[in-house]
Amino acid sequence: MREHHHHHHHHWRDRNDYVHRAGAPGPGPNRHRLYKDKDRAMVAGVCAGIANYYGWRPDGLRVGLVIVTFFTFPLPLIVYVIAAFLMKPSPGAPSYQSPEEEKFWRTFSTRPKATFSELKHRFRALDTRIADLETAVVSEEYGLRKAFKDLERGA
């Protein structure tokens, strides 16, 4: 019985810790953008840039593009030229504050669902904190109203 009680207490401590951390500021602006990679470019740096963005090897992407172009000529070439025109050149390696920030933005950019889940948990925890605050405020307010009513009755 005593172990069960201890576990329950521990659960609440974890919950409060989790809820407390949820309000911590998230990573800064997203520095993980799609850029042309001129350093590893073979033509305009489009494949290298896309590969860099997704964490792939540029060679595999280039081979894939050649194969796709072979079957669907000239569409991929047109898309490539448009991409080369529209994609901005890389300003250099993005300066992340920490490896965690880089991981967050890489995940956010390439797998938004995973990030959405993380953010959903943060919001749920913030919601819990707000509910706790509301409970405290409402109970204070209730106490004050009761005190005023008692004063009115006494007068």
Protein backbone atom coordinates (compact mmCIF):
# COMPACT_ATOMS: atom_id res chain seq x y z
CA MET A 1 0.00 0.00 0.00
CA ARG A 2 2.79 2.38 0.93
CA GLU A 3 4.59 1.76 -2.39
CA HIS A 4 1.42 2.65 -4.28
CA HIS A 5 1.16 5.97 -2.43
CA HIS A 6 4.81 6.76 -3.17
CA HIS A 7 4.26 6.04 -6.87
CA HIS A 8 1.26 8.37 -6.95
CA HIS A 9 3.28 11.19 -5.38
CA HIS A 10 6.12 10.58 -7.82
CA HIS A 11 3.67 10.76 -10.75
CA TRP A 12 2.51 14.21 -9.67
CA ARG A 13 6.07 15.45 -9.25
CA ASP A 14 6.82 14.33 -12.82
CA ARG A 15 3.63 15.94 -14.08
CA ASN A 16 4.43 19.24 -12.40
CA ASP A 17 7.99 19.15 -13.70
CA TYR A 18 6.69 18.43 -17.21
CA VAL A 19 4.03 21.12 -16.93
CA HIS A 20 6.59 23.59 -15.60
CA ARG A 21 9.05 22.97 -18.44
CA ALA A 22 6.33 23.28 -21.08
CA GLY A 23 6.38 27.06 -20.86
CA ALA A 24 10.10 27.22 -21.62
CA PRO A 25 10.84 29.11 -24.83
CA GLY A 26 11.10 26.91 -27.90
CA PRO A 27 13.87 27.04 -30.43
CA GLY A 28 14.46 30.36 -32.15
CA PRO A 29 13.71 31.18 -35.77
CA ASN A 30 13.90 28.29 -38.23
CA ARG A 31 17.35 28.45 -39.82
CA HIS A 32 16.76 25.16 -41.63
CA ARG A 33 15.84 26.40 -45.07
CA LEU A 34 16.05 25.03 -48.58
CA TYR A 35 19.00 26.67 -50.33
CA LYS A 36 21.12 25.93 -53.38
CA ASP A 37 24.40 24.41 -52.23
CA LYS A 38 27.06 26.04 -54.42
CA ASP A 39 29.91 24.30 -52.55
CA ARG A 40 28.74 20.79 -53.51
CA ALA A 41 27.08 21.81 -56.80
CA MET A 42 27.50 19.96 -60.07
CA VAL A 43 25.20 22.20 -62.11
CA ALA A 44 23.34 24.90 -60.13
CA GLY A 45 23.43 23.32 -56.67
CA VAL A 46 19.73 22.38 -56.62
CA CYS A 47 20.26 18.64 -55.96
CA ALA A 48 22.98 19.34 -53.40
CA GLY A 49 20.69 21.85 -51.66
CA ILE A 50 17.71 19.47 -51.58
CA ALA A 51 19.93 16.62 -50.38
CA ASN A 52 21.39 18.88 -47.68
CA TYR A 53 17.88 19.88 -46.55
CA TYR A 54 16.70 16.29 -46.12
CA GLY A 55 20.04 14.91 -44.95
CA TRP A 56 20.42 12.74 -48.08
CA ARG A 57 23.46 12.09 -50.27
CA PRO A 58 23.46 14.42 -53.30
CA ASP A 59 24.73 11.65 -55.63
CA GLY A 60 21.66 9.49 -55.04
CA LEU A 61 19.38 12.42 -55.74
CA ARG A 62 21.25 13.26 -58.96
CA VAL A 63 21.01 9.66 -60.19
CA GLY A 64 17.30 9.68 -59.34
CA LEU A 65 16.81 12.93 -61.25
CA VAL A 66 18.60 11.54 -64.32
CA ILE A 67 16.42 8.38 -64.26
CA VAL A 68 13.20 10.38 -63.81
CA THR A 69 14.27 12.76 -66.61
CA PHE A 70 14.89 9.78 -68.89
CA PHE A 71 11.25 8.67 -68.51
CA THR A 72 9.50 12.04 -68.20
CA PHE A 73 11.62 14.34 -70.39
CA PRO A 74 11.56 17.39 -70.43
CA LEU A 75 9.49 18.05 -67.28
CA PRO A 76 12.23 17.45 -64.62
CA LEU A 77 14.62 19.72 -66.54
CA ILE A 78 12.02 22.50 -66.57
CA VAL A 79 11.41 21.99 -62.83
CA TYR A 80 15.19 22.01 -62.21
CA VAL A 81 15.66 25.30 -64.11
CA ILE A 82 12.75 26.89 -62.20
CA ALA A 83 14.18 25.60 -58.89
CA ALA A 84 17.65 26.91 -59.79
CA PHE A 85 16.06 30.28 -60.50
CA LEU A 86 13.84 30.41 -57.39
CA MET A 87 16.05 28.80 -54.72
CA LYS A 88 18.27 31.26 -52.88
CA PRO A 89 21.99 30.51 -52.63
CA SER A 90 23.05 29.18 -49.24
CA PRO A 91 24.26 31.87 -46.82
CA GLY A 92 26.65 29.26 -45.40
CA ALA A 93 26.05 26.67 -42.72
CA PRO A 94 23.08 27.66 -40.55
CA SER A 95 24.19 28.77 -37.09
CA TYR A 96 22.13 26.74 -34.62
CA GLN A 97 22.33 27.59 -30.92
CA SER A 98 22.62 23.90 -30.02
CA PRO A 99 22.46 20.39 -31.52
CA GLU A 100 18.92 20.14 -30.04
CA GLU A 101 17.84 23.22 -31.99
CA GLU A 102 19.26 21.81 -35.22
CA LYS A 103 17.50 18.48 -34.58
CA PHE A 104 14.21 20.30 -33.87
CA TRP A 105 14.29 22.33 -37.09
CA ARG A 106 15.49 19.45 -39.27
CA THR A 107 12.63 17.35 -37.91
CA PHE A 108 10.19 20.25 -38.23
CA SER A 109 11.14 20.90 -41.85
CA THR A 110 11.21 17.31 -43.04
CA ARG A 111 8.64 15.65 -40.72
CA PRO A 112 6.16 18.27 -39.52
CA LYS A 113 3.93 15.63 -37.87
CA ALA A 114 6.66 14.69 -35.36
CA THR A 115 7.12 18.33 -34.42
CA PHE A 116 3.37 18.89 -34.29
CA SER A 117 3.11 16.08 -31.75
CA GLU A 118 5.84 17.68 -29.60
CA LEU A 119 4.14 21.08 -29.76
CA LYS A 120 0.76 19.51 -28.98
CA HIS A 121 2.26 18.08 -25.77
CA ARG A 122 3.68 21.49 -24.88
CA PHE A 123 0.30 23.14 -25.37
CA ARG A 124 -1.45 20.42 -23.37
CA ALA A 125 0.96 21.07 -20.51
CA LEU A 126 0.45 24.84 -20.78
CA ASP A 127 -3.29 24.22 -20.76
CA THR A 128 -2.87 22.25 -17.52
CA ARG A 129 -0.94 25.15 -15.98
CA ILE A 130 -3.66 27.62 -17.03
CA ALA A 131 -6.35 25.34 -15.59
CA ASP A 132 -4.43 25.20 -12.28
CA LEU A 133 -4.20 29.01 -12.27
CA GLU A 134 -7.92 29.35 -13.04
CA THR A 135 -8.75 27.01 -10.16
CA ALA A 136 -6.63 29.09 -7.79
CA VAL A 137 -8.09 32.41 -8.99
CA VAL A 138 -11.69 31.18 -8.92
CA SER A 139 -11.34 29.75 -5.42
CA GLU A 140 -9.79 33.07 -4.22
CA GLU A 141 -12.63 34.99 -5.86
CA TYR A 142 -15.21 32.68 -4.29
CA GLY A 143 -13.66 33.27 -0.86
CA LEU A 144 -13.69 37.06 -1.35
CA ARG A 145 -17.34 37.10 -2.51
CA LYS A 146 -18.33 35.04 0.51
CA ALA A 147 -16.47 37.47 2.80
CA PHE A 148 -18.25 40.45 1.21
CA LYS A 149 -21.66 38.78 1.54
CA ASP A 150 -20.92 38.04 5.21
CA LEU A 151 -19.96 41.72 5.70
CA GLU A 152 -23.18 42.88 3.97
CA ARG A 153 -25.28 40.60 6.17
CA GLY A 154 -23.50 41.83 9.28
CA ALA A 155 -24.05 45.51 8.35
